[in-house]
Amino acid sequence: MNWFEGTVAFIVIWWVVLFAVLPLGVRPLEKGDIGHAAGAPANPRLWFKAGLTTLITAVIWCGFYALVNSHLIQFRQP
């Protein structure tokens, strides 16, 4: 796997993990204010979730990288 393929794999994994992490700890506003959606979270903590997503993705990507370099999974025919 070259650097471009590794980067693309990281980005794809990052987006999948982001959508799994986004609902963590979401609490709706107690009373809806004018101009806010009724389901908008009180404190979305997006920077924390982006960091957590990056850490989880790094672990998953390292496993994926090791699996591809061990030749257990091949994307090209020999």
C-alpha atoms as a PDB file:
ATOM      1  CA  MET A   1       0.000   0.000   0.000  1.00  0.00           C
ATOM      2  CA  ASN A   2       1.509   3.327  -1.010  1.00  0.00           C
ATOM      3  CA  TRP A   3       0.977   6.662   0.773  1.00  0.00           C
ATOM      4  CA  PHE A   4      -1.964   7.701  -1.433  1.00  0.00           C
ATOM      5  CA  GLU A   5      -3.884   4.458  -0.859  1.00  0.00           C
ATOM      6  CA  GLY A   6      -3.136   4.684   2.859  1.00  0.00           C
ATOM      7  CA  THR A   7      -4.427   8.250   3.006  1.00  0.00           C
ATOM      8  CA  VAL A   8      -7.619   7.368   1.135  1.00  0.00           C
ATOM      9  CA  ALA A   9      -8.197   4.386   3.434  1.00  0.00           C
ATOM     10  CA  PHE A  10      -7.681   6.623   6.493  1.00  0.00           C
ATOM     11  CA  ILE A  11     -10.196   9.199   5.233  1.00  0.00           C
ATOM     12  CA  VAL A  12     -12.836   6.570   4.446  1.00  0.00           C
ATOM     13  CA  ILE A  13     -12.393   4.895   7.839  1.00  0.00           C
ATOM     14  CA  TRP A  14     -12.458   8.316   9.562  1.00  0.00           C
ATOM     15  CA  TRP A  15     -15.851   9.207   8.055  1.00  0.00           C
ATOM     16  CA  VAL A  16     -17.386   5.857   8.984  1.00  0.00           C
ATOM     17  CA  VAL A  17     -16.112   6.144  12.559  1.00  0.00           C
ATOM     18  CA  LEU A  18     -17.292   9.767  12.796  1.00  0.00           C
ATOM     19  CA  PHE A  19     -20.889   8.763  12.131  1.00  0.00           C
ATOM     20  CA  ALA A  20     -20.585   6.072  14.816  1.00  0.00           C
ATOM     21  CA  VAL A  21     -19.142   8.536  17.367  1.00  0.00           C
ATOM     22  CA  LEU A  22     -21.472  11.510  16.752  1.00  0.00           C
ATOM     23  CA  PRO A  23     -24.418  10.235  18.845  1.00  0.00           C
ATOM     24  CA  LEU A  24     -22.271   9.672  21.973  1.00  0.00           C
ATOM     25  CA  GLY A  25     -23.332  11.841  24.894  1.00  0.00           C
ATOM     26  CA  VAL A  26     -25.959  13.837  23.006  1.00  0.00           C
ATOM     27  CA  ARG A  27     -28.528  15.445  25.266  1.00  0.00           C
ATOM     28  CA  PRO A  28     -31.305  17.592  23.766  1.00  0.00           C
ATOM     29  CA  LEU A  29     -31.988  21.111  24.993  1.00  0.00           C
ATOM     30  CA  GLU A  30     -34.401  21.206  27.889  1.00  0.00           C
ATOM     31  CA  LYS A  31     -36.515  23.916  26.346  1.00  0.00           C
ATOM     32  CA  GLY A  32     -36.399  24.805  22.693  1.00  0.00           C
ATOM     33  CA  ASP A  33     -35.378  28.399  22.020  1.00  0.00           C
ATOM     34  CA  ILE A  34     -36.641  30.413  19.110  1.00  0.00           C
ATOM     35  CA  GLY A  35     -34.419  29.718  16.121  1.00  0.00           C
ATOM     36  CA  HIS A  36     -33.127  26.377  17.387  1.00  0.00           C
ATOM     37  CA  ALA A  37     -34.355  22.997  16.246  1.00  0.00           C
ATOM     38  CA  ALA A  38     -36.134  20.978  18.903  1.00  0.00           C
ATOM     39  CA  GLY A  39     -33.629  18.146  18.543  1.00  0.00           C
ATOM     40  CA  ALA A  40     -30.470  20.255  18.574  1.00  0.00           C
ATOM     41  CA  PRO A  41     -28.030  19.038  21.255  1.00  0.00           C
ATOM     42  CA  ALA A  42     -27.272  21.288  24.204  1.00  0.00           C
ATOM     43  CA  ASN A  43     -23.503  20.714  24.015  1.00  0.00           C
ATOM     44  CA  PRO A  44     -22.397  18.807  20.892  1.00  0.00           C
ATOM     45  CA  ARG A  45     -18.625  18.748  21.841  1.00  0.00           C
ATOM     46  CA  LEU A  46     -17.601  18.422  18.188  1.00  0.00           C
ATOM     47  CA  TRP A  47     -13.863  18.980  18.783  1.00  0.00           C
ATOM     48  CA  PHE A  48     -13.800  16.167  21.356  1.00  0.00           C
ATOM     49  CA  LYS A  49     -15.667  13.864  18.982  1.00  0.00           C
ATOM     50  CA  ALA A  50     -13.336  14.721  16.087  1.00  0.00           C
ATOM     51  CA  GLY A  51     -10.327  13.901  18.276  1.00  0.00           C
ATOM     52  CA  LEU A  52     -11.866  10.665  19.506  1.00  0.00           C
ATOM     53  CA  THR A  53     -12.716   9.750  15.921  1.00  0.00           C
ATOM     54  CA  THR A  54      -9.114  10.360  14.868  1.00  0.00           C
ATOM     55  CA  LEU A  55      -7.743   8.179  17.686  1.00  0.00           C
ATOM     56  CA  ILE A  56     -10.118   5.306  16.939  1.00  0.00           C
ATOM     57  CA  THR A  57      -9.406   5.615  13.215  1.00  0.00           C
ATOM     58  CA  ALA A  58      -5.654   5.515  13.815  1.00  0.00           C
ATOM     59  CA  VAL A  59      -5.997   2.216  15.694  1.00  0.00           C
ATOM     60  CA  ILE A  60      -8.259   0.694  13.033  1.00  0.00           C
ATOM     61  CA  TRP A  61      -6.026   1.970  10.221  1.00  0.00           C
ATOM     62  CA  CYS A  62      -2.903   0.460  11.820  1.00  0.00           C
ATOM     63  CA  GLY A  63      -4.656  -2.911  11.945  1.00  0.00           C
ATOM     64  CA  PHE A  64      -5.751  -2.520   8.328  1.00  0.00           C
ATOM     65  CA  TYR A  65      -2.222  -1.549   7.290  1.00  0.00           C
ATOM     66  CA  ALA A  66      -0.731  -4.567   9.052  1.00  0.00           C
ATOM     67  CA  LEU A  67      -3.301  -6.850   7.463  1.00  0.00           C
ATOM     68  CA  VAL A  68      -2.637  -5.538   3.946  1.00  0.00           C
ATOM     69  CA  ASN A  69       1.164  -5.666   4.345  1.00  0.00           C
ATOM     70  CA  SER A  70       1.041  -9.227   5.677  1.00  0.00           C
ATOM     71  CA  HIS A  71      -0.461 -10.224   2.303  1.00  0.00           C
ATOM     72  CA  LEU A  72      -3.456 -11.906   3.935  1.00  0.00           C
ATOM     73  CA  ILE A  73      -5.602  -9.491   1.938  1.00  0.00           C
ATOM     74  CA  GLN A  74      -4.549  -8.659  -1.606  1.00  0.00           C
ATOM     75  CA  PHE A  75      -6.176  -6.062  -3.798  1.00  0.00           C
ATOM     76  CA  ARG A  76      -4.061  -6.966  -6.820  1.00  0.00           C
ATOM     77  CA  GLN A  77      -3.803 -10.291  -8.548  1.00  0.00           C
ATOM     78  CA  PRO A  78      -0.359 -11.963  -8.196  1.00  0.00           C
END
